[in-house]
Amino acid sequence: MLEQEADQFISSMPIKDLVNAIDAGSDGAPKDRVHVANGLPYRDFVTVGLLIKHLRIRNTTDFPTLGQPRIVQDLPRRHI
């Protein structure tokens, strides 16, 4: 079994599943936290926001970016 020590972890799995996976380990998770985690509803959609100084991505496909204003700049089209 792999064991990792850290001050913080980031997990993309649902909290309910994460806590139950920890609970299945040798020490188990605290029972009050297992109870709370098992009561959490699942969601179909998660929104994640990132705060960055500069967005440096470009559309390099032959399909134009939709929307006004454009979030992603289109590179000049290549003429073949």
PDB file of N, CA and C in Angstrom:
ATOM      1  N   MET A   1       0.846  -1.182   0.000  1.00  0.00           N
ATOM      2  CA  MET A   1       0.000   0.000   0.000  1.00  0.00           C
ATOM      3  C   MET A   1       0.889   1.241   0.000  1.00  0.00           C
ATOM      4  N   LEU A   2       0.546   2.211  -0.841  1.00  0.00           N
ATOM      5  CA  LEU A   2       1.294   3.457  -0.941  1.00  0.00           C
ATOM      6  C   LEU A   2       0.767   4.451   0.077  1.00  0.00           C
ATOM      7  N   GLU A   3       1.665   5.061   0.815  1.00  0.00           N
ATOM      8  CA  GLU A   3       1.260   6.067   1.801  1.00  0.00           C
ATOM      9  C   GLU A   3       1.947   7.375   1.469  1.00  0.00           C
ATOM     10  N   GLN A   4       1.186   8.467   1.471  1.00  0.00           N
ATOM     11  CA  GLN A   4       1.711   9.796   1.174  1.00  0.00           C
ATOM     12  C   GLN A   4       1.406  10.720   2.341  1.00  0.00           C
ATOM     13  N   GLU A   5       2.367  11.551   2.715  1.00  0.00           N
ATOM     14  CA  GLU A   5       2.151  12.548   3.755  1.00  0.00           C
ATOM     15  C   GLU A   5       2.235  13.925   3.131  1.00  0.00           C
ATOM     16  N   ALA A   6       1.275  14.783   3.497  1.00  0.00           N
ATOM     17  CA  ALA A   6       1.261  16.157   2.995  1.00  0.00           C
ATOM     18  C   ALA A   6       0.350  16.991   3.885  1.00  0.00           C
ATOM     19  N   ASP A   7       0.489  18.295   3.779  1.00  0.00           N
ATOM     20  CA  ASP A   7      -0.407  19.192   4.514  1.00  0.00           C
ATOM     21  C   ASP A   7      -1.761  19.289   3.826  1.00  0.00           C
ATOM     22  N   GLN A   8      -1.775  19.198   2.491  1.00  0.00           N
ATOM     23  CA  GLN A   8      -3.010  19.320   1.724  1.00  0.00           C
ATOM     24  C   GLN A   8      -2.965  18.367   0.539  1.00  0.00           C
ATOM     25  N   PHE A   9      -4.146  17.884   0.151  1.00  0.00           N
ATOM     26  CA  PHE A   9      -4.305  17.062  -1.038  1.00  0.00           C
ATOM     27  C   PHE A   9      -5.433  17.637  -1.870  1.00  0.00           C
ATOM     28  N   ILE A  10      -5.365  17.470  -3.177  1.00  0.00           N
ATOM     29  CA  ILE A  10      -6.445  17.854  -4.080  1.00  0.00           C
ATOM     30  C   ILE A  10      -6.936  16.579  -4.743  1.00  0.00           C
ATOM     31  N   SER A  11      -8.240  16.362  -4.671  1.00  0.00           N
ATOM     32  CA  SER A  11      -8.821  15.161  -5.256  1.00  0.00           C
ATOM     33  C   SER A  11      -9.948  15.566  -6.202  1.00  0.00           C
ATOM     34  N   SER A  12     -10.055  14.854  -7.331  1.00  0.00           N
ATOM     35  CA  SER A  12     -11.142  15.133  -8.275  1.00  0.00           C
ATOM     36  C   SER A  12     -12.290  14.144  -8.109  1.00  0.00           C
ATOM     37  N   MET A  13     -12.152  13.178  -7.200  1.00  0.00           N
ATOM     38  CA  MET A  13     -13.238  12.222  -7.004  1.00  0.00           C
ATOM     39  C   MET A  13     -14.245  12.800  -6.022  1.00  0.00           C
ATOM     40  N   PRO A  14     -15.492  12.352  -6.086  1.00  0.00           N
ATOM     41  CA  PRO A  14     -16.501  12.861  -5.148  1.00  0.00           C
ATOM     42  C   PRO A  14     -16.060  12.629  -3.694  1.00  0.00           C
ATOM     43  N   ILE A  15     -16.342  13.603  -2.843  1.00  0.00           N
ATOM     44  CA  ILE A  15     -15.944  13.528  -1.440  1.00  0.00           C
ATOM     45  C   ILE A  15     -16.448  12.240  -0.791  1.00  0.00           C
ATOM     46  N   LYS A  16     -17.687  11.858  -1.110  1.00  0.00           N
ATOM     47  CA  LYS A  16     -18.268  10.640  -0.550  1.00  0.00           C
ATOM     48  C   LYS A  16     -17.374   9.430  -0.856  1.00  0.00           C
ATOM     49  N   ASP A  17     -16.944   9.311  -2.102  1.00  0.00           N
ATOM     50  CA  ASP A  17     -16.101   8.187  -2.500  1.00  0.00           C
ATOM     51  C   ASP A  17     -14.708   8.279  -1.870  1.00  0.00           C
ATOM     52  N   LEU A  18     -14.174   9.485  -1.797  1.00  0.00           N
ATOM     53  CA  LEU A  18     -12.848   9.677  -1.212  1.00  0.00           C
ATOM     54  C   LEU A  18     -12.840   9.281   0.257  1.00  0.00           C
ATOM     55  N   VAL A  19     -13.827   9.757   1.010  1.00  0.00           N
ATOM     56  CA  VAL A  19     -13.872   9.441   2.439  1.00  0.00           C
ATOM     57  C   VAL A  19     -14.087   7.947   2.647  1.00  0.00           C
ATOM     58  N   ASN A  20     -14.940   7.324   1.833  1.00  0.00           N
ATOM     59  CA  ASN A  20     -15.155   5.885   1.969  1.00  0.00           C
ATOM     60  C   ASN A  20     -13.907   5.087   1.586  1.00  0.00           C
ATOM     61  N   ALA A  21     -13.119   5.592   0.628  1.00  0.00           N
ATOM     62  CA  ALA A  21     -11.863   4.922   0.282  1.00  0.00           C
ATOM     63  C   ALA A  21     -10.875   5.034   1.436  1.00  0.00           C
ATOM     64  N   ILE A  22     -10.837   6.195   2.084  1.00  0.00           N
ATOM     65  CA  ILE A  22      -9.968   6.371   3.247  1.00  0.00           C
ATOM     66  C   ILE A  22     -10.454   5.478   4.388  1.00  0.00           C
ATOM     67  N   ASP A  23     -11.767   5.397   4.551  1.00  0.00           N
ATOM     68  CA  ASP A  23     -12.346   4.583   5.620  1.00  0.00           C
ATOM     69  C   ASP A  23     -12.020   3.104   5.436  1.00  0.00           C
ATOM     70  N   ALA A  24     -11.840   2.666   4.198  1.00  0.00           N
ATOM     71  CA  ALA A  24     -11.520   1.266   3.924  1.00  0.00           C
ATOM     72  C   ALA A  24     -10.060   0.946   4.250  1.00  0.00           C
ATOM     73  N   GLY A  25      -9.253   1.985   4.495  1.00  0.00           N
ATOM     74  CA  GLY A  25      -7.848   1.779   4.827  1.00  0.00           C
ATOM     75  C   GLY A  25      -7.667   1.211   6.225  1.00  0.00           C
ATOM     76  N   SER A  26      -6.425   1.021   6.613  1.00  0.00           N
ATOM     77  CA  SER A  26      -6.125   0.365   7.884  1.00  0.00           C
ATOM     78  C   SER A  26      -6.597   1.170   9.096  1.00  0.00           C
ATOM     79  N   ASP A  27      -6.400   2.484   9.080  1.00  0.00           N
ATOM     80  CA  ASP A  27      -6.812   3.312  10.226  1.00  0.00           C
ATOM     81  C   ASP A  27      -8.267   3.748  10.119  1.00  0.00           C
ATOM     82  N   GLY A  28      -8.785   3.814   8.907  1.00  0.00           N
ATOM     83  CA  GLY A  28     -10.160   4.267   8.711  1.00  0.00           C
ATOM     84  C   GLY A  28     -10.279   5.769   8.897  1.00  0.00           C
ATOM     85  N   ALA A  29     -11.384   6.311   8.443  1.00  0.00           N
ATOM     86  CA  ALA A  29     -11.673   7.733   8.597  1.00  0.00           C
ATOM     87  C   ALA A  29     -12.516   7.916   9.854  1.00  0.00           C
ATOM     88  N   PRO A  30     -12.473   9.107  10.467  1.00  0.00           N
ATOM     89  CA  PRO A  30     -13.328   9.347  11.632  1.00  0.00           C
ATOM     90  C   PRO A  30     -14.804   9.106  11.270  1.00  0.00           C
ATOM     91  N   LYS A  31     -15.509   8.388  12.124  1.00  0.00           N
ATOM     92  CA  LYS A  31     -16.881   7.971  11.819  1.00  0.00           C
ATOM     93  C   LYS A  31     -17.813   9.147  11.597  1.00  0.00           C
ATOM     94  N   ASP A  32     -17.615  10.261  12.315  1.00  0.00           N
ATOM     95  CA  ASP A  32     -18.489  11.420  12.102  1.00  0.00           C
ATOM     96  C   ASP A  32     -18.305  11.997  10.705  1.00  0.00           C
ATOM     97  N   ARG A  33     -17.085  11.942  10.176  1.00  0.00           N
ATOM     98  CA  ARG A  33     -16.823  12.459   8.824  1.00  0.00           C
ATOM     99  C   ARG A  33     -17.352  11.510   7.760  1.00  0.00           C
ATOM    100  N   VAL A  34     -17.291  10.210   8.029  1.00  0.00           N
ATOM    101  CA  VAL A  34     -17.873   9.235   7.107  1.00  0.00           C
ATOM    102  C   VAL A  34     -19.376   9.452   7.016  1.00  0.00           C
ATOM    103  N   HIS A  35     -20.011   9.676   8.165  1.00  0.00           N
ATOM    104  CA  HIS A  35     -21.456   9.902   8.200  1.00  0.00           C
ATOM    105  C   HIS A  35     -21.835  11.155   7.393  1.00  0.00           C
ATOM    106  N   VAL A  36     -21.109  12.245   7.593  1.00  0.00           N
ATOM    107  CA  VAL A  36     -21.382  13.496   6.863  1.00  0.00           C
ATOM    108  C   VAL A  36     -21.129  13.302   5.370  1.00  0.00           C
ATOM    109  N   ALA A  37     -20.018  12.675   5.010  1.00  0.00           N
ATOM    110  CA  ALA A  37     -19.681  12.471   3.595  1.00  0.00           C
ATOM    111  C   ALA A  37     -20.733  11.624   2.897  1.00  0.00           C
ATOM    112  N   ASN A  38     -21.233  10.599   3.583  1.00  0.00           N
ATOM    113  CA  ASN A  38     -22.246   9.740   2.964  1.00  0.00           C
ATOM    114  C   ASN A  38     -23.581  10.443   2.775  1.00  0.00           C
ATOM    115  N   GLY A  39     -23.780  11.560   3.448  1.00  0.00           N
ATOM    116  CA  GLY A  39     -25.006  12.334   3.280  1.00  0.00           C
ATOM    117  C   GLY A  39     -24.923  13.391   2.197  1.00  0.00           C
ATOM    118  N   LEU A  40     -23.745  13.575   1.598  1.00  0.00           N
ATOM    119  CA  LEU A  40     -23.588  14.596   0.561  1.00  0.00           C
ATOM    120  C   LEU A  40     -24.193  14.117  -0.755  1.00  0.00           C
ATOM    121  N   PRO A  41     -24.963  14.990  -1.431  1.00  0.00           N
ATOM    122  CA  PRO A  41     -25.517  14.594  -2.728  1.00  0.00           C
ATOM    123  C   PRO A  41     -24.461  14.712  -3.827  1.00  0.00           C
ATOM    124  N   TYR A  42     -24.617  13.904  -4.865  1.00  0.00           N
ATOM    125  CA  TYR A  42     -23.751  14.013  -6.042  1.00  0.00           C
ATOM    126  C   TYR A  42     -24.236  15.159  -6.909  1.00  0.00           C
ATOM    127  N   ARG A  43     -23.335  15.751  -7.632  1.00  0.00           N
ATOM    128  CA  ARG A  43     -23.692  16.772  -8.614  1.00  0.00           C
ATOM    129  C   ARG A  43     -23.202  16.306  -9.970  1.00  0.00           C
ATOM    130  N   ASP A  44     -23.931  16.684 -11.012  1.00  0.00           N
ATOM    131  CA  ASP A  44     -23.564  16.285 -12.365  1.00  0.00           C
ATOM    132  C   ASP A  44     -22.526  17.214 -12.979  1.00  0.00           C
ATOM    133  N   PHE A  45     -22.385  18.400 -12.438  1.00  0.00           N
ATOM    134  CA  PHE A  45     -21.581  19.420 -13.097  1.00  0.00           C
ATOM    135  C   PHE A  45     -20.775  20.166 -12.047  1.00  0.00           C
ATOM    136  N   VAL A  46     -19.524  20.384 -12.318  1.00  0.00           N
ATOM    137  CA  VAL A  46     -18.660  21.119 -11.410  1.00  0.00           C
ATOM    138  C   VAL A  46     -18.023  22.263 -12.185  1.00  0.00           C
ATOM    139  N   THR A  47     -18.045  23.446 -11.613  1.00  0.00           N
ATOM    140  CA  THR A  47     -17.404  24.601 -12.225  1.00  0.00           C
ATOM    141  C   THR A  47     -16.136  24.915 -11.442  1.00  0.00           C
ATOM    142  N   VAL A  48     -15.041  25.080 -12.156  1.00  0.00           N
ATOM    143  CA  VAL A  48     -13.765  25.414 -11.533  1.00  0.00           C
ATOM    144  C   VAL A  48     -13.304  26.738 -12.113  1.00  0.00           C
ATOM    145  N   GLY A  49     -12.948  27.659 -11.259  1.00  0.00           N
ATOM    146  CA  GLY A  49     -12.453  28.955 -11.712  1.00  0.00           C
ATOM    147  C   GLY A  49     -10.956  29.060 -11.471  1.00  0.00           C
ATOM    148  N   LEU A  50     -10.247  29.588 -12.440  1.00  0.00           N
ATOM    149  CA  LEU A  50      -8.812  29.799 -12.311  1.00  0.00           C
ATOM    150  C   LEU A  50      -8.528  31.282 -12.462  1.00  0.00           C
ATOM    151  N   LEU A  51      -7.746  31.821 -11.567  1.00  0.00           N
ATOM    152  CA  LEU A  51      -7.344  33.214 -11.636  1.00  0.00           C
ATOM    153  C   LEU A  51      -5.906  33.251 -12.148  1.00  0.00           C
ATOM    154  N   ILE A  52      -5.745  33.767 -13.357  1.00  0.00           N
ATOM    155  CA  ILE A  52      -4.412  33.832 -13.957  1.00  0.00           C
ATOM    156  C   ILE A  52      -4.143  35.247 -14.446  1.00  0.00           C
ATOM    157  N   LYS A  53      -2.875  35.598 -14.535  1.00  0.00           N
ATOM    158  CA  LYS A  53      -2.518  36.948 -14.969  1.00  0.00           C
ATOM    159  C   LYS A  53      -2.740  37.146 -16.459  1.00  0.00           C
ATOM    160  N   HIS A  54      -2.323  36.167 -17.265  1.00  0.00           N
ATOM    161  CA  HIS A  54      -2.424  36.309 -18.714  1.00  0.00           C
ATOM    162  C   HIS A  54      -2.893  34.994 -19.319  1.00  0.00           C
ATOM    163  N   LEU A  55      -3.857  35.095 -20.210  1.00  0.00           N
ATOM    164  CA  LEU A  55      -4.320  33.923 -20.934  1.00  0.00           C
ATOM    165  C   LEU A  55      -3.559  33.886 -22.252  1.00  0.00           C
ATOM    166  N   ARG A  56      -2.732  32.865 -22.426  1.00  0.00           N
ATOM    167  CA  ARG A  56      -1.865  32.815 -23.600  1.00  0.00           C
ATOM    168  C   ARG A  56      -2.202  31.628 -24.487  1.00  0.00           C
ATOM    169  N   ILE A  57      -3.465  31.460 -24.794  1.00  0.00           N
ATOM    170  CA  ILE A  57      -3.837  30.377 -25.694  1.00  0.00           C
ATOM    171  C   ILE A  57      -4.369  30.972 -26.987  1.00  0.00           C
ATOM    172  N   ARG A  58      -4.201  30.244 -28.047  1.00  0.00           N
ATOM    173  CA  ARG A  58      -4.644  30.686 -29.367  1.00  0.00           C
ATOM    174  C   ARG A  58      -5.366  29.537 -30.040  1.00  0.00           C
ATOM    175  N   ASN A  59      -6.361  29.846 -30.823  1.00  0.00           N
ATOM    176  CA  ASN A  59      -7.058  28.842 -31.616  1.00  0.00           C
ATOM    177  C   ASN A  59      -6.208  28.546 -32.836  1.00  0.00           C
ATOM    178  N   THR A  60      -5.678  27.351 -32.901  1.00  0.00           N
ATOM    179  CA  THR A  60      -4.826  26.970 -34.027  1.00  0.00           C
ATOM    180  C   THR A  60      -5.551  26.062 -35.005  1.00  0.00           C
ATOM    181  N   THR A  61      -6.860  25.898 -34.822  1.00  0.00           N
ATOM    182  CA  THR A  61      -7.631  25.057 -35.733  1.00  0.00           C
ATOM    183  C   THR A  61      -8.121  25.882 -36.909  1.00  0.00           C
ATOM    184  N   ASP A  62      -8.757  25.228 -37.865  1.00  0.00           N
ATOM    185  CA  ASP A  62      -9.347  25.936 -38.998  1.00  0.00           C
ATOM    186  C   ASP A  62     -10.767  26.394 -38.699  1.00  0.00           C
ATOM    187  N   PHE A  63     -11.253  26.143 -37.487  1.00  0.00           N
ATOM    188  CA  PHE A  63     -12.607  26.536 -37.106  1.00  0.00           C
ATOM    189  C   PHE A  63     -12.550  27.821 -36.298  1.00  0.00           C
ATOM    190  N   PRO A  64     -13.331  28.839 -36.668  1.00  0.00           N
ATOM    191  CA  PRO A  64     -13.284  30.105 -35.942  1.00  0.00           C
ATOM    192  C   PRO A  64     -13.874  29.972 -34.542  1.00  0.00           C
ATOM    193  N   THR A  65     -13.337  30.756 -33.617  1.00  0.00           N
ATOM    194  CA  THR A  65     -13.858  30.805 -32.260  1.00  0.00           C
ATOM    195  C   THR A  65     -15.175  31.565 -32.268  1.00  0.00           C
ATOM    196  N   LEU A  66     -16.157  31.048 -31.546  1.00  0.00           N
ATOM    197  CA  LEU A  66     -17.460  31.697 -31.465  1.00  0.00           C
ATOM    198  C   LEU A  66     -17.508  32.629 -30.267  1.00  0.00           C
ATOM    199  N   GLY A  67     -18.482  33.533 -30.283  1.00  0.00           N
ATOM    200  CA  GLY A  67     -18.702  34.430 -29.154  1.00  0.00           C
ATOM    201  C   GLY A  67     -18.149  35.808 -29.402  1.00  0.00           C
ATOM    202  N   GLN A  68     -18.781  36.777 -28.771  1.00  0.00           N
ATOM    203  CA  GLN A  68     -18.322  38.160 -28.840  1.00  0.00           C
ATOM    204  C   GLN A  68     -18.347  38.729 -27.441  1.00  0.00           C
ATOM    205  N   PRO A  69     -17.293  39.191 -26.880  1.00  0.00           N
ATOM    206  CA  PRO A  69     -15.950  39.165 -27.455  1.00  0.00           C
ATOM    207  C   PRO A  69     -15.372  37.754 -27.397  1.00  0.00           C
ATOM    208  N   ARG A  70     -14.445  37.490 -28.270  1.00  0.00           N
ATOM    209  CA  ARG A  70     -13.802  36.180 -28.306  1.00  0.00           C
ATOM    210  C   ARG A  70     -12.871  36.039 -27.107  1.00  0.00           C
ATOM    211  N   ILE A  71     -12.982  34.931 -26.420  1.00  0.00           N
ATOM    212  CA  ILE A  71     -12.112  34.668 -25.278  1.00  0.00           C
ATOM    213  C   ILE A  71     -10.765  34.156 -25.766  1.00  0.00           C
ATOM    214  N   VAL A  72     -10.802  33.324 -26.796  1.00  0.00           N
ATOM    215  CA  VAL A  72      -9.584  32.755 -27.379  1.00  0.00           C
ATOM    216  C   VAL A  72      -9.389  33.387 -28.747  1.00  0.00           C
ATOM    217  N   GLN A  73      -8.221  33.952 -28.975  1.00  0.00           N
ATOM    218  CA  GLN A  73      -7.957  34.602 -30.250  1.00  0.00           C
ATOM    219  C   GLN A  73      -7.705  33.565 -31.333  1.00  0.00           C
ATOM    220  N   ASP A  74      -8.202  33.851 -32.533  1.00  0.00           N
ATOM    221  CA  ASP A  74      -7.940  32.994 -33.683  1.00  0.00           C
ATOM    222  C   ASP A  74      -6.628  33.415 -34.318  1.00  0.00           C
ATOM    223  N   LEU A  75      -5.819  32.433 -34.681  1.00  0.00           N
ATOM    224  CA  LEU A  75      -4.623  32.735 -35.466  1.00  0.00           C
ATOM    225  C   LEU A  75      -5.074  33.037 -36.894  1.00  0.00           C
ATOM    226  N   PRO A  76      -4.285  33.808 -37.640  1.00  0.00           N
ATOM    227  CA  PRO A  76      -4.651  34.038 -39.046  1.00  0.00           C
ATOM    228  C   PRO A  76      -4.822  32.721 -39.769  1.00  0.00           C
ATOM    229  N   ARG A  77      -5.844  32.637 -40.600  1.00  0.00           N
ATOM    230  CA  ARG A  77      -6.126  31.397 -41.340  1.00  0.00           C
ATOM    231  C   ARG A  77      -5.028  31.085 -42.326  1.00  0.00           C
ATOM    232  N   ARG A  78      -4.731  29.815 -42.457  1.00  0.00           N
ATOM    233  CA  ARG A  78      -3.733  29.369 -43.421  1.00  0.00           C
ATOM    234  C   ARG A  78      -4.444  29.159 -44.761  1.00  0.00           C
ATOM    235  N   HIS A  79      -3.867  29.638 -45.769  1.00  0.00           N
ATOM    236  CA  HIS A  79      -4.419  29.409 -47.116  1.00  0.00           C
ATOM    237  C   HIS A  79      -3.627  28.288 -47.773  1.00  0.00           C
ATOM    238  N   ILE A  80      -4.336  27.238 -48.097  1.00  0.00           N
ATOM    239  CA  ILE A  80      -3.665  26.077 -48.700  1.00  0.00           C
ATOM    240  C   ILE A  80      -3.862  26.102 -50.204  1.00  0.00           C
TER     241      ILE A  80
END
